[in-house]
Amino acid sequence: MPKIQITAKGIRAALKKYVPYQSLCEYIWNGFDAQASEIQINYNSDELGNIESITISDNGYGIPHLKLQEKFEPLFESKKALENKLKKNQSAIHGKNGIGRLTFFTFARNASWKTTYDENGENQR
């Protein structure tokens, strides 16, 4: 199969429909898609009230380190959508287009993810 390259121009075109609040909603929905029962949004601002950082955290199931590349690398593809089709009696998955992880570009220059997941009954980071 040929390797597909996604350019900055392609990413910009895909993100055109997003405004910052919709982008934040994508991260909230990611928490719900990971079966979180709690989602927290915290921010830091400067003395003028400009937002310097935003942290969104949840108690969802997380992503094991061995699966990070698999989950983040395929742009415009979502394993969540495929996995959810296989499970019955489960709520609909919101994030299924594979673009939500890039929506931070609508309001920030960079982003970082920290994940905690359960492995053999122990929390791993």
Protein backbone atom coordinates (compact mmCIF):
# COMPACT_ATOMS: atom_id res chain seq x y z
CA MET A 1 0.00 0.00 0.00
CA PRO A 2 1.41 3.44 -0.89
CA LYS A 3 2.31 5.82 1.92
CA ILE A 4 -0.07 8.78 2.15
CA GLN A 5 1.35 12.13 3.20
CA ILE A 6 -0.88 14.68 4.91
CA THR A 7 0.39 18.21 4.34
CA ALA A 8 0.01 21.29 6.50
CA LYS A 9 -2.31 22.62 3.80
CA GLY A 10 -4.49 19.51 4.14
CA ILE A 11 -4.61 19.84 7.93
CA ARG A 12 -5.52 23.54 7.67
CA ALA A 13 -8.33 22.69 5.25
CA ALA A 14 -9.68 19.99 7.59
CA LEU A 15 -9.60 22.34 10.59
CA LYS A 16 -11.27 25.25 8.79
CA LYS A 17 -14.69 24.40 10.19
CA TYR A 18 -13.46 24.42 13.81
CA VAL A 19 -13.47 27.39 16.15
CA PRO A 20 -11.68 27.21 19.53
CA TYR A 21 -14.70 26.19 21.62
CA GLN A 22 -15.50 23.35 19.20
CA SER A 23 -11.89 22.23 19.43
CA LEU A 24 -12.08 22.09 23.22
CA CYS A 25 -15.26 20.06 22.89
CA GLU A 26 -13.34 17.47 20.84
CA TYR A 27 -11.06 16.83 23.83
CA ILE A 28 -14.01 16.60 26.20
CA TRP A 29 -15.67 14.09 23.86
CA ASN A 30 -12.42 12.09 23.76
CA GLY A 31 -12.80 11.66 27.52
CA PHE A 32 -16.38 10.47 27.17
CA ASP A 33 -15.33 8.12 24.34
CA ALA A 34 -12.81 6.65 26.81
CA GLN A 35 -15.71 6.02 29.23
CA ALA A 36 -14.70 8.81 31.63
CA SER A 37 -17.15 9.69 34.39
CA GLU A 38 -15.25 12.89 35.28
CA ILE A 39 -13.69 15.52 33.04
CA GLN A 40 -11.89 18.57 34.41
CA ILE A 41 -10.91 21.72 32.54
CA ASN A 42 -8.37 24.02 34.17
CA TYR A 43 -6.59 27.04 32.77
CA ASN A 44 -3.93 29.56 33.73
CA SER A 45 -4.12 33.17 32.67
CA ASP A 46 -1.79 36.13 32.82
CA GLU A 47 -2.47 39.42 34.62
CA LEU A 48 -4.35 40.72 31.55
CA GLY A 49 -6.68 37.71 31.52
CA ASN A 50 -5.12 36.07 28.45
CA ILE A 51 -5.19 32.29 28.67
CA GLU A 52 -1.66 30.88 28.85
CA SER A 53 -2.47 27.19 29.21
CA ILE A 54 -5.44 24.84 29.30
CA THR A 55 -5.44 21.39 30.88
CA ILE A 56 -8.18 18.88 30.17
CA SER A 57 -8.07 15.72 32.25
CA ASP A 58 -10.39 12.77 32.68
CA ASN A 59 -10.61 9.39 34.36
CA GLY A 60 -11.10 7.45 31.13
CA TYR A 61 -9.24 4.25 30.34
CA GLY A 62 -6.14 5.95 28.83
CA ILE A 63 -3.83 4.73 26.10
CA PRO A 64 -1.10 2.14 26.78
CA HIS A 65 2.36 3.29 25.63
CA LEU A 66 2.61 0.44 23.15
CA LYS A 67 -0.49 1.79 21.39
CA LEU A 68 0.37 5.52 21.36
CA GLN A 69 1.77 5.60 17.83
CA GLU A 70 -1.11 3.47 16.55
CA LYS A 71 -3.66 5.86 18.13
CA PHE A 72 -2.04 9.16 17.13
CA GLU A 73 -0.34 8.52 13.81
CA PRO A 74 -3.12 7.67 11.34
CA LEU A 75 -4.62 11.07 10.50
CA PHE A 76 -8.19 11.11 9.21
CA GLU A 77 -8.63 7.58 10.55
CA SER A 78 -10.24 6.53 13.80
CA LYS A 79 -9.86 3.14 15.42
CA LYS A 80 -12.58 4.20 17.90
CA ALA A 81 -15.17 4.14 15.14
CA LEU A 82 -14.11 0.65 14.03
CA GLU A 83 -13.92 -0.73 17.57
CA ASN A 84 -17.32 0.67 18.53
CA LYS A 85 -19.01 -1.09 15.60
CA LEU A 86 -17.92 -4.37 17.14
CA LYS A 87 -19.47 -3.68 20.56
CA LYS A 88 -23.18 -3.93 21.26
CA ASN A 89 -25.11 -2.04 23.94
CA GLN A 90 -22.59 0.78 24.12
CA SER A 91 -23.15 4.50 23.65
CA ALA A 92 -22.24 6.05 20.31
CA ILE A 93 -18.66 7.17 19.84
CA HIS A 94 -18.32 10.88 19.08
CA GLY A 95 -14.71 10.97 17.87
CA LYS A 96 -14.65 8.92 14.71
CA ASN A 97 -13.07 11.11 12.04
CA GLY A 98 -9.44 11.02 13.21
CA ILE A 99 -9.02 14.81 13.19
CA GLY A 100 -9.98 15.75 16.77
CA ARG A 101 -6.47 15.24 18.09
CA LEU A 102 -5.27 18.08 15.83
CA THR A 103 -7.91 20.65 16.72
CA PHE A 104 -5.64 22.29 19.29
CA PHE A 105 -4.08 24.07 16.28
CA THR A 106 -7.17 26.34 16.23
CA PHE A 107 -6.20 27.92 19.55
CA ALA A 108 -2.59 26.92 20.39
CA ARG A 109 0.85 26.36 18.89
CA ASN A 110 1.59 23.12 20.70
CA ALA A 111 0.00 20.46 22.86
CA SER A 112 1.12 17.57 25.01
CA TRP A 113 -0.71 14.47 26.14
CA LYS A 114 -0.14 12.53 29.34
CA THR A 115 -1.92 9.24 29.75
CA THR A 116 -2.46 6.87 32.65
CA TYR A 117 -3.76 3.38 31.94
CA ASP A 118 -4.37 0.15 33.81
CA GLU A 119 -2.07 -2.78 33.16
CA ASN A 120 -2.48 -5.92 35.26
CA GLY A 121 -4.27 -3.97 38.00
CA GLU A 122 -1.62 -1.24 38.27
CA ASN A 123 -1.73 2.34 36.99
CA GLN A 124 0.96 3.01 34.41
CA ARG A 125 2.11 6.33 32.92
